[in-house]
Amino acid sequence: MVKHIILWTLKEEYKGDAKIKAGIKEGLEGLKGRIPGLIDIKVNTEPLPSSNCDLMLDSSFVDEASLKGYSVHPEHVEVANTKVRPFTASRVCMDYEAM
């Protein structure tokens, strides 16, 4: 299994905007069951005050090939281009093989 973790910081003008966060969560979590090899996908929109990011994506894939397929899948690209990228200032990603 491969884990795909992303941390985003929202652009200043969208910080604290619950509607933007909800749209990102709904869009990404709505991909479950629609993309081959995607096992699970969750978005956390409520970080503790000690955090230095605004949202976290925690997703699991069957294998690395499934993760690569997800990255170019039209439904994922649509969500990324309309619900995520326009509102985020930074993105940090870690992919790893889970034992």
N, C-alpha and C. Protein backbone atom coordinates (compact mmCIF):
# COMPACT_ATOMS: atom_id res chain seq x y z
N MET A 1 0.85 -1.18 0.00
CA MET A 1 0.00 0.00 0.00
C MET A 1 0.89 1.24 0.00
N VAL A 2 0.45 2.26 -0.71
CA VAL A 2 1.16 3.54 -0.78
C VAL A 2 0.31 4.62 -0.12
N LYS A 3 0.94 5.42 0.73
CA LYS A 3 0.28 6.56 1.36
C LYS A 3 0.69 7.83 0.62
N HIS A 4 -0.28 8.73 0.46
CA HIS A 4 -0.06 10.01 -0.22
C HIS A 4 -0.60 11.08 0.74
N ILE A 5 0.31 11.85 1.32
CA ILE A 5 -0.05 12.87 2.31
C ILE A 5 0.30 14.24 1.74
N ILE A 6 -0.64 15.16 1.82
CA ILE A 6 -0.39 16.53 1.37
C ILE A 6 -0.82 17.50 2.47
N LEU A 7 -0.01 18.52 2.67
CA LEU A 7 -0.34 19.63 3.57
C LEU A 7 -0.41 20.89 2.73
N TRP A 8 -1.50 21.63 2.89
CA TRP A 8 -1.68 22.88 2.15
C TRP A 8 -1.79 24.05 3.12
N THR A 9 -1.34 25.20 2.63
CA THR A 9 -1.61 26.47 3.29
C THR A 9 -2.50 27.26 2.33
N LEU A 10 -3.56 27.82 2.85
CA LEU A 10 -4.46 28.62 2.02
C LEU A 10 -3.84 29.99 1.74
N LYS A 11 -4.22 30.58 0.61
CA LYS A 11 -3.83 31.96 0.33
C LYS A 11 -4.41 32.84 1.43
N GLU A 12 -3.72 33.92 1.74
CA GLU A 12 -4.13 34.80 2.84
C GLU A 12 -5.61 35.18 2.78
N GLU A 13 -6.09 35.53 1.59
CA GLU A 13 -7.48 35.99 1.48
C GLU A 13 -8.52 34.89 1.76
N TYR A 14 -8.08 33.64 1.82
CA TYR A 14 -9.02 32.53 2.07
C TYR A 14 -8.83 31.89 3.44
N LYS A 15 -7.85 32.36 4.21
CA LYS A 15 -7.62 31.78 5.55
C LYS A 15 -8.88 31.95 6.39
N GLY A 16 -9.27 30.89 7.04
CA GLY A 16 -10.45 30.92 7.89
C GLY A 16 -11.76 30.82 7.14
N ASP A 17 -11.72 30.64 5.83
CA ASP A 17 -12.94 30.53 5.02
C ASP A 17 -13.43 29.09 5.03
N ALA A 18 -14.43 28.83 5.87
CA ALA A 18 -14.95 27.47 6.03
C ALA A 18 -15.54 26.93 4.74
N LYS A 19 -16.10 27.80 3.91
CA LYS A 19 -16.71 27.36 2.65
C LYS A 19 -15.64 26.82 1.69
N ILE A 20 -14.51 27.47 1.62
CA ILE A 20 -13.40 27.02 0.76
C ILE A 20 -12.90 25.68 1.26
N LYS A 21 -12.67 25.57 2.57
CA LYS A 21 -12.20 24.32 3.14
C LYS A 21 -13.20 23.18 2.88
N ALA A 22 -14.47 23.47 3.05
CA ALA A 22 -15.50 22.45 2.83
C ALA A 22 -15.53 22.01 1.37
N GLY A 23 -15.33 22.94 0.45
CA GLY A 23 -15.31 22.60 -0.97
C GLY A 23 -14.15 21.70 -1.33
N ILE A 24 -12.99 21.96 -0.74
CA ILE A 24 -11.82 21.11 -0.97
C ILE A 24 -12.08 19.72 -0.42
N LYS A 25 -12.58 19.66 0.80
CA LYS A 25 -12.87 18.37 1.45
C LYS A 25 -13.89 17.58 0.64
N GLU A 26 -14.98 18.20 0.29
CA GLU A 26 -16.05 17.54 -0.47
C GLU A 26 -15.54 17.06 -1.83
N GLY A 27 -14.80 17.91 -2.52
CA GLY A 27 -14.30 17.55 -3.84
C GLY A 27 -13.35 16.36 -3.81
N LEU A 28 -12.38 16.40 -2.91
CA LEU A 28 -11.41 15.31 -2.85
C LEU A 28 -12.00 14.03 -2.28
N GLU A 29 -12.75 14.13 -1.20
CA GLU A 29 -13.34 12.92 -0.62
C GLU A 29 -14.38 12.30 -1.55
N GLY A 30 -14.95 13.10 -2.43
CA GLY A 30 -15.91 12.61 -3.41
C GLY A 30 -15.27 11.73 -4.48
N LEU A 31 -13.96 11.67 -4.52
CA LEU A 31 -13.26 10.83 -5.50
C LEU A 31 -13.21 9.36 -5.08
N LYS A 32 -13.51 9.10 -3.81
CA LYS A 32 -13.48 7.71 -3.32
C LYS A 32 -14.47 6.87 -4.12
N GLY A 33 -13.99 5.72 -4.58
CA GLY A 33 -14.82 4.81 -5.37
C GLY A 33 -14.89 5.17 -6.84
N ARG A 34 -14.21 6.22 -7.24
CA ARG A 34 -14.28 6.70 -8.62
C ARG A 34 -12.96 6.57 -9.37
N ILE A 35 -11.89 6.30 -8.63
CA ILE A 35 -10.56 6.23 -9.24
C ILE A 35 -9.94 4.87 -8.92
N PRO A 36 -9.54 4.14 -9.94
CA PRO A 36 -8.96 2.81 -9.72
C PRO A 36 -7.74 2.85 -8.80
N GLY A 37 -7.72 1.95 -7.84
CA GLY A 37 -6.59 1.82 -6.93
C GLY A 37 -6.61 2.75 -5.73
N LEU A 38 -7.57 3.67 -5.67
CA LEU A 38 -7.70 4.57 -4.52
C LEU A 38 -8.46 3.82 -3.43
N ILE A 39 -7.77 3.55 -2.31
CA ILE A 39 -8.37 2.79 -1.21
C ILE A 39 -9.17 3.70 -0.29
N ASP A 40 -8.55 4.80 0.10
CA ASP A 40 -9.20 5.71 1.05
C ASP A 40 -8.66 7.12 0.84
N ILE A 41 -9.51 8.11 1.14
CA ILE A 41 -9.10 9.50 1.00
C ILE A 41 -9.87 10.34 2.02
N LYS A 42 -9.12 11.11 2.81
CA LYS A 42 -9.72 11.96 3.84
C LYS A 42 -9.02 13.30 3.85
N VAL A 43 -9.78 14.34 4.09
CA VAL A 43 -9.22 15.69 4.20
C VAL A 43 -9.56 16.23 5.59
N ASN A 44 -8.54 16.66 6.31
CA ASN A 44 -8.73 17.27 7.62
C ASN A 44 -8.67 18.78 7.44
N THR A 45 -9.74 19.46 7.85
CA THR A 45 -9.83 20.91 7.70
C THR A 45 -9.75 21.66 9.02
N GLU A 46 -9.51 20.94 10.12
CA GLU A 46 -9.51 21.57 11.44
C GLU A 46 -8.21 21.32 12.18
N PRO A 47 -7.11 21.96 11.77
CA PRO A 47 -5.85 21.76 12.48
C PRO A 47 -5.87 22.42 13.85
N LEU A 48 -5.07 21.89 14.74
CA LEU A 48 -4.90 22.53 16.04
C LEU A 48 -4.15 23.84 15.87
N PRO A 49 -4.29 24.77 16.81
CA PRO A 49 -3.61 26.07 16.71
C PRO A 49 -2.08 25.95 16.58
N SER A 50 -1.51 24.85 17.04
CA SER A 50 -0.05 24.66 16.95
C SER A 50 0.41 24.31 15.53
N SER A 51 -0.52 24.10 14.61
CA SER A 51 -0.19 23.71 13.24
C SER A 51 0.28 24.91 12.41
N ASN A 52 1.04 24.63 11.37
CA ASN A 52 1.45 25.69 10.46
C ASN A 52 0.97 25.42 9.03
N CYS A 53 -0.13 24.68 8.92
CA CYS A 53 -0.81 24.47 7.64
C CYS A 53 -2.32 24.52 7.90
N ASP A 54 -3.09 24.58 6.83
CA ASP A 54 -4.54 24.75 6.97
C ASP A 54 -5.35 23.50 6.67
N LEU A 55 -4.83 22.62 5.81
CA LEU A 55 -5.55 21.41 5.44
C LEU A 55 -4.56 20.26 5.24
N MET A 56 -5.07 19.04 5.44
CA MET A 56 -4.26 17.85 5.20
C MET A 56 -5.06 16.83 4.42
N LEU A 57 -4.45 16.29 3.38
CA LEU A 57 -5.01 15.17 2.64
C LEU A 57 -4.26 13.92 3.09
N ASP A 58 -5.01 12.88 3.46
CA ASP A 58 -4.44 11.59 3.84
C ASP A 58 -5.12 10.56 2.95
N SER A 59 -4.36 10.00 2.01
CA SER A 59 -4.96 9.04 1.09
C SER A 59 -4.11 7.79 0.98
N SER A 60 -4.75 6.69 0.59
CA SER A 60 -4.08 5.40 0.46
C SER A 60 -4.40 4.81 -0.90
N PHE A 61 -3.37 4.19 -1.50
CA PHE A 61 -3.50 3.58 -2.82
C PHE A 61 -2.98 2.16 -2.79
N VAL A 62 -3.48 1.35 -3.70
CA VAL A 62 -3.06 -0.03 -3.80
C VAL A 62 -1.55 -0.13 -4.00
N ASP A 63 -1.02 0.70 -4.90
CA ASP A 63 0.40 0.68 -5.22
C ASP A 63 0.80 2.01 -5.86
N GLU A 64 2.08 2.12 -6.18
CA GLU A 64 2.58 3.37 -6.75
C GLU A 64 1.97 3.67 -8.12
N ALA A 65 1.70 2.63 -8.89
CA ALA A 65 1.07 2.83 -10.21
C ALA A 65 -0.32 3.45 -10.05
N SER A 66 -1.05 3.05 -9.01
CA SER A 66 -2.38 3.62 -8.75
C SER A 66 -2.28 5.09 -8.39
N LEU A 67 -1.27 5.44 -7.60
CA LEU A 67 -1.05 6.85 -7.24
C LEU A 67 -0.74 7.67 -8.48
N LYS A 68 0.09 7.14 -9.36
CA LYS A 68 0.41 7.86 -10.60
C LYS A 68 -0.84 8.02 -11.46
N GLY A 69 -1.69 7.00 -11.51
CA GLY A 69 -2.93 7.09 -12.27
C GLY A 69 -3.87 8.14 -11.70
N TYR A 70 -3.94 8.21 -10.37
CA TYR A 70 -4.76 9.21 -9.68
C TYR A 70 -4.33 10.62 -10.05
N SER A 71 -3.03 10.85 -10.11
CA SER A 71 -2.53 12.21 -10.36
C SER A 71 -2.95 12.76 -11.71
N VAL A 72 -3.22 11.88 -12.69
CA VAL A 72 -3.62 12.35 -14.01
C VAL A 72 -5.07 12.00 -14.36
N HIS A 73 -5.76 11.36 -13.42
CA HIS A 73 -7.16 10.98 -13.68
C HIS A 73 -7.99 12.26 -13.88
N PRO A 74 -8.82 12.31 -14.92
CA PRO A 74 -9.58 13.52 -15.22
C PRO A 74 -10.43 14.05 -14.05
N GLU A 75 -11.02 13.16 -13.28
CA GLU A 75 -11.85 13.63 -12.15
C GLU A 75 -10.99 14.28 -11.07
N HIS A 76 -9.81 13.73 -10.81
CA HIS A 76 -8.91 14.33 -9.83
C HIS A 76 -8.38 15.67 -10.35
N VAL A 77 -8.00 15.71 -11.61
CA VAL A 77 -7.49 16.95 -12.21
C VAL A 77 -8.54 18.06 -12.13
N GLU A 78 -9.79 17.71 -12.37
CA GLU A 78 -10.88 18.69 -12.29
C GLU A 78 -11.02 19.26 -10.88
N VAL A 79 -11.00 18.39 -9.88
CA VAL A 79 -11.10 18.84 -8.49
C VAL A 79 -9.88 19.71 -8.14
N ALA A 80 -8.71 19.25 -8.50
CA ALA A 80 -7.48 20.00 -8.19
C ALA A 80 -7.50 21.39 -8.83
N ASN A 81 -7.94 21.45 -10.07
CA ASN A 81 -7.92 22.73 -10.80
C ASN A 81 -9.02 23.70 -10.40
N THR A 82 -10.13 23.19 -9.87
CA THR A 82 -11.25 24.08 -9.54
C THR A 82 -11.45 24.30 -8.04
N LYS A 83 -11.09 23.32 -7.21
CA LYS A 83 -11.38 23.43 -5.78
C LYS A 83 -10.14 23.57 -4.90
N VAL A 84 -8.97 23.21 -5.42
CA VAL A 84 -7.77 23.23 -4.58
C VAL A 84 -6.79 24.32 -5.02
N ARG A 85 -6.24 24.21 -6.19
CA ARG A 85 -5.17 25.11 -6.64
C ARG A 85 -5.51 26.60 -6.61
N PRO A 86 -6.74 26.99 -6.96
CA PRO A 86 -7.03 28.44 -6.93
C PRO A 86 -6.97 29.05 -5.53
N PHE A 87 -7.05 28.23 -4.49
CA PHE A 87 -7.17 28.74 -3.13
C PHE A 87 -5.95 28.48 -2.24
N THR A 88 -5.01 27.68 -2.74
CA THR A 88 -3.87 27.31 -1.91
C THR A 88 -2.61 28.06 -2.32
N ALA A 89 -1.83 28.43 -1.30
CA ALA A 89 -0.58 29.17 -1.52
C ALA A 89 0.61 28.22 -1.56
N SER A 90 0.56 27.15 -0.78
CA SER A 90 1.68 26.23 -0.75
C SER A 90 1.18 24.80 -0.56
N ARG A 91 2.04 23.87 -1.00
CA ARG A 91 1.72 22.45 -0.95
C ARG A 91 2.99 21.69 -0.62
N VAL A 92 2.89 20.79 0.35
CA VAL A 92 3.99 19.90 0.70
C VAL A 92 3.43 18.48 0.60
N CYS A 93 4.19 17.59 -0.03
CA CYS A 93 3.71 16.23 -0.27
C CYS A 93 4.72 15.21 0.22
N MET A 94 4.20 14.12 0.77
CA MET A 94 5.04 12.96 1.08
C MET A 94 4.31 11.71 0.66
N ASP A 95 4.95 10.92 -0.19
CA ASP A 95 4.43 9.63 -0.60
C ASP A 95 5.37 8.57 -0.02
N TYR A 96 4.78 7.49 0.49
CA TYR A 96 5.63 6.44 1.04
C TYR A 96 4.94 5.09 0.99
N GLU A 97 5.77 4.05 1.02
CA GLU A 97 5.28 2.67 1.03
C GLU A 97 4.92 2.34 2.47
N ALA A 98 3.67 2.02 2.72
CA ALA A 98 3.22 1.66 4.07
C ALA A 98 3.35 0.14 4.24
N MET A 99 3.86 -0.24 5.37
CA MET A 99 4.05 -1.68 5.64
C MET A 99 2.82 -2.28 6.25
